Amino acid sequence: MRYPFQKMQLDADGFYDLINTWAEMQLVVTKDSATIIGEGYTYEILKAFTALVFDWEASIPISKEGLGIPEGSYDLSRMGDKVHACTSEKAYFLPDRPVTVEVVSMPEE
């Protein structure tokens, strides 16, 4: 069965409620961008993406404006109502903000 969607976007008021397993997510910060990647989405989000796209990959671009996090890859950790981007040496607060989740089909070859 061919799935009808090859790409889709999900607009959300914030990304905190989209993620269930923070240990499965990372923040990647480059000179030009900041993006959350991984597979730790909530069950409902995983189910919806799989029903519409099947083999998919999702990312959450984050505005770098006011982020103040140096370039690099960070593990994400949530404690209470706050999320931090962490290295073995330092943790940076990552505030919740409106986002657009980008989902693309990644069919097996």
N, C-alpha and C. Protein backbone atom coordinates (compact mmCIF):
# COMPACT_ATOMS: atom_id res chain seq x y z
N MET A 1 0.84 -1.19 0.00
CA MET A 1 0.00 0.00 0.00
C MET A 1 0.88 1.24 0.00
N ARG A 2 0.60 2.14 -0.88
CA ARG A 2 1.35 3.39 -0.96
C ARG A 2 0.66 4.42 -0.05
N TYR A 3 1.44 5.08 0.76
CA TYR A 3 0.88 6.08 1.66
C TYR A 3 0.80 7.42 0.94
N PRO A 4 -0.27 8.17 1.15
CA PRO A 4 -0.51 9.38 0.36
C PRO A 4 0.41 10.55 0.68
N PHE A 5 1.02 10.55 1.85
CA PHE A 5 1.83 11.70 2.24
C PHE A 5 3.32 11.38 2.14
N GLN A 6 4.05 12.25 1.49
CA GLN A 6 5.51 12.13 1.42
C GLN A 6 6.17 13.14 2.36
N LYS A 7 5.48 14.24 2.60
CA LYS A 7 5.94 15.28 3.52
C LYS A 7 4.72 15.87 4.21
N MET A 8 4.91 16.27 5.45
CA MET A 8 3.84 17.00 6.13
C MET A 8 4.45 17.82 7.24
N GLN A 9 3.68 18.79 7.72
CA GLN A 9 4.11 19.65 8.82
C GLN A 9 3.02 19.68 9.87
N LEU A 10 3.45 19.72 11.11
CA LEU A 10 2.53 19.82 12.24
C LEU A 10 2.90 21.08 13.01
N ASP A 11 1.98 22.03 13.06
CA ASP A 11 2.20 23.24 13.84
C ASP A 11 1.73 23.00 15.26
N ALA A 12 2.54 23.41 16.22
CA ALA A 12 2.20 23.21 17.63
C ALA A 12 2.55 24.45 18.43
N ASP A 13 1.78 24.68 19.48
CA ASP A 13 2.03 25.84 20.35
C ASP A 13 3.33 25.70 21.13
N GLY A 14 3.83 24.48 21.24
CA GLY A 14 5.09 24.22 21.93
C GLY A 14 5.51 22.79 21.67
N PHE A 15 6.78 22.48 21.94
CA PHE A 15 7.26 21.13 21.67
C PHE A 15 7.31 20.25 22.91
N TYR A 16 7.21 20.80 24.10
CA TYR A 16 7.27 19.99 25.32
C TYR A 16 6.25 18.86 25.32
N ASP A 17 5.01 19.16 24.93
CA ASP A 17 3.94 18.17 24.98
C ASP A 17 3.98 17.17 23.83
N LEU A 18 4.87 17.36 22.86
CA LEU A 18 4.98 16.44 21.73
C LEU A 18 5.91 15.27 22.04
N ILE A 19 6.73 15.44 23.09
CA ILE A 19 7.78 14.46 23.37
C ILE A 19 7.48 13.73 24.66
N ASN A 20 7.63 12.41 24.60
CA ASN A 20 7.40 11.57 25.77
C ASN A 20 8.72 11.08 26.36
N THR A 21 9.64 10.65 25.51
CA THR A 21 10.89 10.06 25.97
C THR A 21 12.05 10.98 25.58
N TRP A 22 12.39 11.86 26.48
CA TRP A 22 13.42 12.87 26.21
C TRP A 22 14.78 12.23 25.94
N ALA A 23 15.05 11.08 26.55
CA ALA A 23 16.34 10.40 26.36
C ALA A 23 16.54 9.96 24.90
N GLU A 24 15.47 9.89 24.13
CA GLU A 24 15.57 9.49 22.72
C GLU A 24 15.64 10.68 21.78
N MET A 25 15.81 11.88 22.32
CA MET A 25 15.84 13.09 21.51
C MET A 25 17.18 13.81 21.71
N GLN A 26 17.58 14.56 20.69
CA GLN A 26 18.80 15.37 20.76
C GLN A 26 18.52 16.73 20.14
N LEU A 27 19.27 17.71 20.61
CA LEU A 27 19.28 19.03 19.99
C LEU A 27 20.60 19.16 19.26
N VAL A 28 20.54 19.49 17.97
CA VAL A 28 21.74 19.71 17.18
C VAL A 28 21.77 21.19 16.80
N VAL A 29 22.82 21.88 17.23
CA VAL A 29 22.96 23.31 16.96
C VAL A 29 24.15 23.51 16.03
N THR A 30 23.89 24.15 14.89
CA THR A 30 24.95 24.50 13.95
C THR A 30 25.02 26.02 13.87
N LYS A 31 25.92 26.50 13.05
CA LYS A 31 26.05 27.94 12.86
C LYS A 31 24.73 28.57 12.41
N ASP A 32 23.99 27.84 11.56
CA ASP A 32 22.79 28.39 10.95
C ASP A 32 21.46 27.89 11.50
N SER A 33 21.49 26.80 12.29
CA SER A 33 20.22 26.23 12.71
C SER A 33 20.30 25.52 14.06
N ALA A 34 19.12 25.24 14.60
CA ALA A 34 18.98 24.42 15.80
C ALA A 34 17.79 23.50 15.55
N THR A 35 18.01 22.20 15.72
CA THR A 35 16.98 21.22 15.38
C THR A 35 16.93 20.11 16.41
N ILE A 36 15.72 19.76 16.82
CA ILE A 36 15.52 18.61 17.69
C ILE A 36 15.23 17.41 16.80
N ILE A 37 15.97 16.33 17.02
CA ILE A 37 15.79 15.10 16.25
C ILE A 37 15.64 13.92 17.20
N GLY A 38 15.11 12.83 16.69
CA GLY A 38 15.00 11.62 17.50
C GLY A 38 13.65 10.97 17.35
N GLU A 39 13.41 9.95 18.18
CA GLU A 39 12.19 9.15 18.07
C GLU A 39 11.39 9.10 19.36
N GLY A 40 11.54 10.08 20.21
CA GLY A 40 10.88 10.05 21.51
C GLY A 40 9.53 10.73 21.58
N TYR A 41 8.83 10.83 20.46
CA TYR A 41 7.52 11.49 20.44
C TYR A 41 6.49 10.72 21.26
N THR A 42 5.41 11.39 21.62
CA THR A 42 4.34 10.72 22.35
C THR A 42 3.71 9.64 21.48
N TYR A 43 3.05 8.69 22.12
CA TYR A 43 2.41 7.59 21.41
C TYR A 43 1.44 8.09 20.35
N GLU A 44 0.66 9.09 20.68
CA GLU A 44 -0.34 9.62 19.75
C GLU A 44 0.32 10.22 18.51
N ILE A 45 1.42 10.94 18.71
CA ILE A 45 2.14 11.54 17.59
C ILE A 45 2.76 10.43 16.73
N LEU A 46 3.40 9.45 17.36
CA LEU A 46 4.00 8.33 16.62
C LEU A 46 2.94 7.60 15.80
N LYS A 47 1.80 7.35 16.40
CA LYS A 47 0.71 6.64 15.72
C LYS A 47 0.21 7.44 14.51
N ALA A 48 0.03 8.73 14.68
CA ALA A 48 -0.46 9.57 13.58
C ALA A 48 0.55 9.64 12.44
N PHE A 49 1.83 9.86 12.77
CA PHE A 49 2.85 9.93 11.72
C PHE A 49 2.92 8.61 10.94
N THR A 50 2.88 7.49 11.65
CA THR A 50 2.98 6.18 11.01
C THR A 50 1.76 5.88 10.16
N ALA A 51 0.59 6.30 10.59
CA ALA A 51 -0.63 6.07 9.82
C ALA A 51 -0.63 6.87 8.52
N LEU A 52 -0.01 8.03 8.52
CA LEU A 52 -0.04 8.90 7.35
C LEU A 52 1.18 8.76 6.45
N VAL A 53 2.33 8.49 7.02
CA VAL A 53 3.57 8.51 6.24
C VAL A 53 4.27 7.15 6.27
N PHE A 54 4.03 6.32 7.27
CA PHE A 54 4.61 5.00 7.50
C PHE A 54 6.09 5.12 7.84
N ASP A 55 7.02 4.89 6.91
CA ASP A 55 8.45 5.03 7.21
C ASP A 55 8.78 6.52 7.17
N TRP A 56 8.96 7.09 8.34
CA TRP A 56 9.09 8.54 8.42
C TRP A 56 10.29 8.95 9.28
N GLU A 57 10.66 10.20 9.09
CA GLU A 57 11.67 10.84 9.93
C GLU A 57 11.14 12.23 10.23
N ALA A 58 11.20 12.63 11.49
CA ALA A 58 10.67 13.94 11.88
C ALA A 58 11.76 14.77 12.53
N SER A 59 11.64 16.07 12.39
CA SER A 59 12.57 17.00 13.04
C SER A 59 11.79 18.24 13.47
N ILE A 60 12.33 18.90 14.48
CA ILE A 60 11.69 20.10 15.00
C ILE A 60 12.70 21.24 14.95
N PRO A 61 12.65 22.06 13.90
CA PRO A 61 13.53 23.23 13.85
C PRO A 61 13.15 24.21 14.97
N ILE A 62 14.16 24.75 15.63
CA ILE A 62 13.96 25.72 16.71
C ILE A 62 14.64 27.02 16.30
N SER A 63 13.97 28.12 16.52
CA SER A 63 14.57 29.41 16.23
C SER A 63 15.80 29.61 17.12
N LYS A 64 16.90 30.04 16.51
CA LYS A 64 18.12 30.29 17.28
C LYS A 64 18.06 31.62 18.03
N GLU A 65 17.09 32.45 17.69
CA GLU A 65 16.95 33.76 18.33
C GLU A 65 16.78 33.61 19.84
N GLY A 66 17.70 34.16 20.58
CA GLY A 66 17.65 34.13 22.04
C GLY A 66 17.98 32.79 22.65
N LEU A 67 18.43 31.82 21.85
CA LEU A 67 18.70 30.48 22.36
C LEU A 67 19.95 30.46 23.23
N GLY A 68 21.03 31.07 22.76
CA GLY A 68 22.26 31.16 23.56
C GLY A 68 22.94 29.83 23.82
N ILE A 69 22.79 28.87 22.92
CA ILE A 69 23.43 27.56 23.08
C ILE A 69 24.50 27.42 21.99
N PRO A 70 25.74 27.12 22.38
CA PRO A 70 26.81 26.98 21.39
C PRO A 70 26.59 25.81 20.43
N GLU A 71 27.29 25.84 19.30
CA GLU A 71 27.20 24.76 18.33
C GLU A 71 27.57 23.43 18.98
N GLY A 72 26.87 22.37 18.58
CA GLY A 72 27.16 21.04 19.08
C GLY A 72 25.91 20.20 19.17
N SER A 73 26.08 18.96 19.65
CA SER A 73 24.96 18.04 19.86
C SER A 73 24.72 17.91 21.35
N TYR A 74 23.43 17.93 21.74
CA TYR A 74 23.05 17.92 23.14
C TYR A 74 21.99 16.87 23.41
N ASP A 75 22.12 16.19 24.52
CA ASP A 75 21.05 15.33 25.01
C ASP A 75 20.00 16.22 25.64
N LEU A 76 18.74 15.79 25.61
CA LEU A 76 17.67 16.58 26.21
C LEU A 76 17.17 15.89 27.46
N SER A 77 16.87 16.70 28.47
CA SER A 77 16.41 16.18 29.75
C SER A 77 15.32 17.08 30.29
N ARG A 78 14.23 16.47 30.74
CA ARG A 78 13.14 17.26 31.32
C ARG A 78 13.04 16.95 32.80
N MET A 79 13.04 18.01 33.58
CA MET A 79 12.84 17.90 35.02
C MET A 79 11.71 18.84 35.39
N GLY A 80 10.57 18.26 35.77
CA GLY A 80 9.41 19.08 36.09
C GLY A 80 8.90 19.77 34.84
N ASP A 81 8.81 21.09 34.88
CA ASP A 81 8.28 21.83 33.74
C ASP A 81 9.37 22.51 32.92
N LYS A 82 10.62 22.04 33.04
CA LYS A 82 11.73 22.64 32.28
C LYS A 82 12.51 21.56 31.54
N VAL A 83 12.97 21.94 30.35
CA VAL A 83 13.82 21.06 29.55
C VAL A 83 15.19 21.70 29.42
N HIS A 84 16.22 20.86 29.51
CA HIS A 84 17.59 21.33 29.36
C HIS A 84 18.29 20.56 28.26
N ALA A 85 19.12 21.26 27.50
CA ALA A 85 20.02 20.66 26.52
C ALA A 85 21.35 20.48 27.26
N CYS A 86 21.84 19.24 27.30
CA CYS A 86 22.96 18.92 28.18
C CYS A 86 24.14 18.29 27.46
N THR A 87 25.32 18.64 27.92
CA THR A 87 26.54 17.92 27.59
C THR A 87 27.03 17.34 28.91
N SER A 88 28.15 16.67 28.88
CA SER A 88 28.69 16.12 30.13
C SER A 88 29.18 17.23 31.06
N GLU A 89 29.35 18.43 30.52
CA GLU A 89 29.89 19.53 31.30
C GLU A 89 28.90 20.63 31.66
N LYS A 90 27.86 20.80 30.85
CA LYS A 90 26.99 21.97 31.04
C LYS A 90 25.57 21.67 30.58
N ALA A 91 24.61 22.37 31.19
CA ALA A 91 23.20 22.26 30.80
C ALA A 91 22.67 23.65 30.47
N TYR A 92 21.88 23.73 29.40
CA TYR A 92 21.30 24.98 28.95
C TYR A 92 19.78 24.84 28.96
N PHE A 93 19.09 25.79 29.56
CA PHE A 93 17.64 25.80 29.58
C PHE A 93 17.12 25.97 28.15
N LEU A 94 16.16 25.14 27.76
CA LEU A 94 15.56 25.19 26.44
C LEU A 94 14.07 25.49 26.61
N PRO A 95 13.68 26.76 26.49
CA PRO A 95 12.28 27.12 26.74
C PRO A 95 11.33 26.55 25.69
N ASP A 96 10.13 26.23 26.13
CA ASP A 96 9.09 25.78 25.21
C ASP A 96 8.71 26.96 24.33
N ARG A 97 8.41 26.68 23.08
CA ARG A 97 8.05 27.74 22.14
C ARG A 97 7.27 27.12 20.99
N PRO A 98 6.53 27.93 20.24
CA PRO A 98 5.80 27.40 19.08
C PRO A 98 6.79 26.80 18.07
N VAL A 99 6.38 25.68 17.45
CA VAL A 99 7.25 25.00 16.50
C VAL A 99 6.43 24.44 15.34
N THR A 100 7.12 24.08 14.28
CA THR A 100 6.55 23.33 13.18
C THR A 100 7.37 22.05 13.05
N VAL A 101 6.73 20.91 13.29
CA VAL A 101 7.40 19.63 13.14
C VAL A 101 7.38 19.28 11.66
N GLU A 102 8.53 18.89 11.13
CA GLU A 102 8.64 18.53 9.72
C GLU A 102 8.78 17.01 9.63
N VAL A 103 7.89 16.37 8.90
CA VAL A 103 7.87 14.92 8.76
C VAL A 103 8.06 14.59 7.29
N VAL A 104 9.02 13.71 6.99
CA VAL A 104 9.26 13.29 5.62
C VAL A 104 9.29 11.77 5.53
N SER A 105 8.85 11.26 4.41
CA SER A 105 8.85 9.83 4.14
C SER A 105 10.28 9.37 3.90
N MET A 106 10.66 8.27 4.53
CA MET A 106 11.99 7.70 4.36
C MET A 106 11.82 6.23 3.95
N PRO A 107 11.32 5.98 2.73
CA PRO A 107 11.07 4.59 2.33
C PRO A 107 12.35 3.77 2.26
N GLU A 108 12.21 2.49 2.58
CA GLU A 108 13.35 1.59 2.49
C GLU A 108 13.65 1.34 1.02
N GLU A 109 14.93 1.22 0.72
CA GLU A 109 15.31 0.98 -0.70
C GLU A 109 15.63 -0.46 -0.93
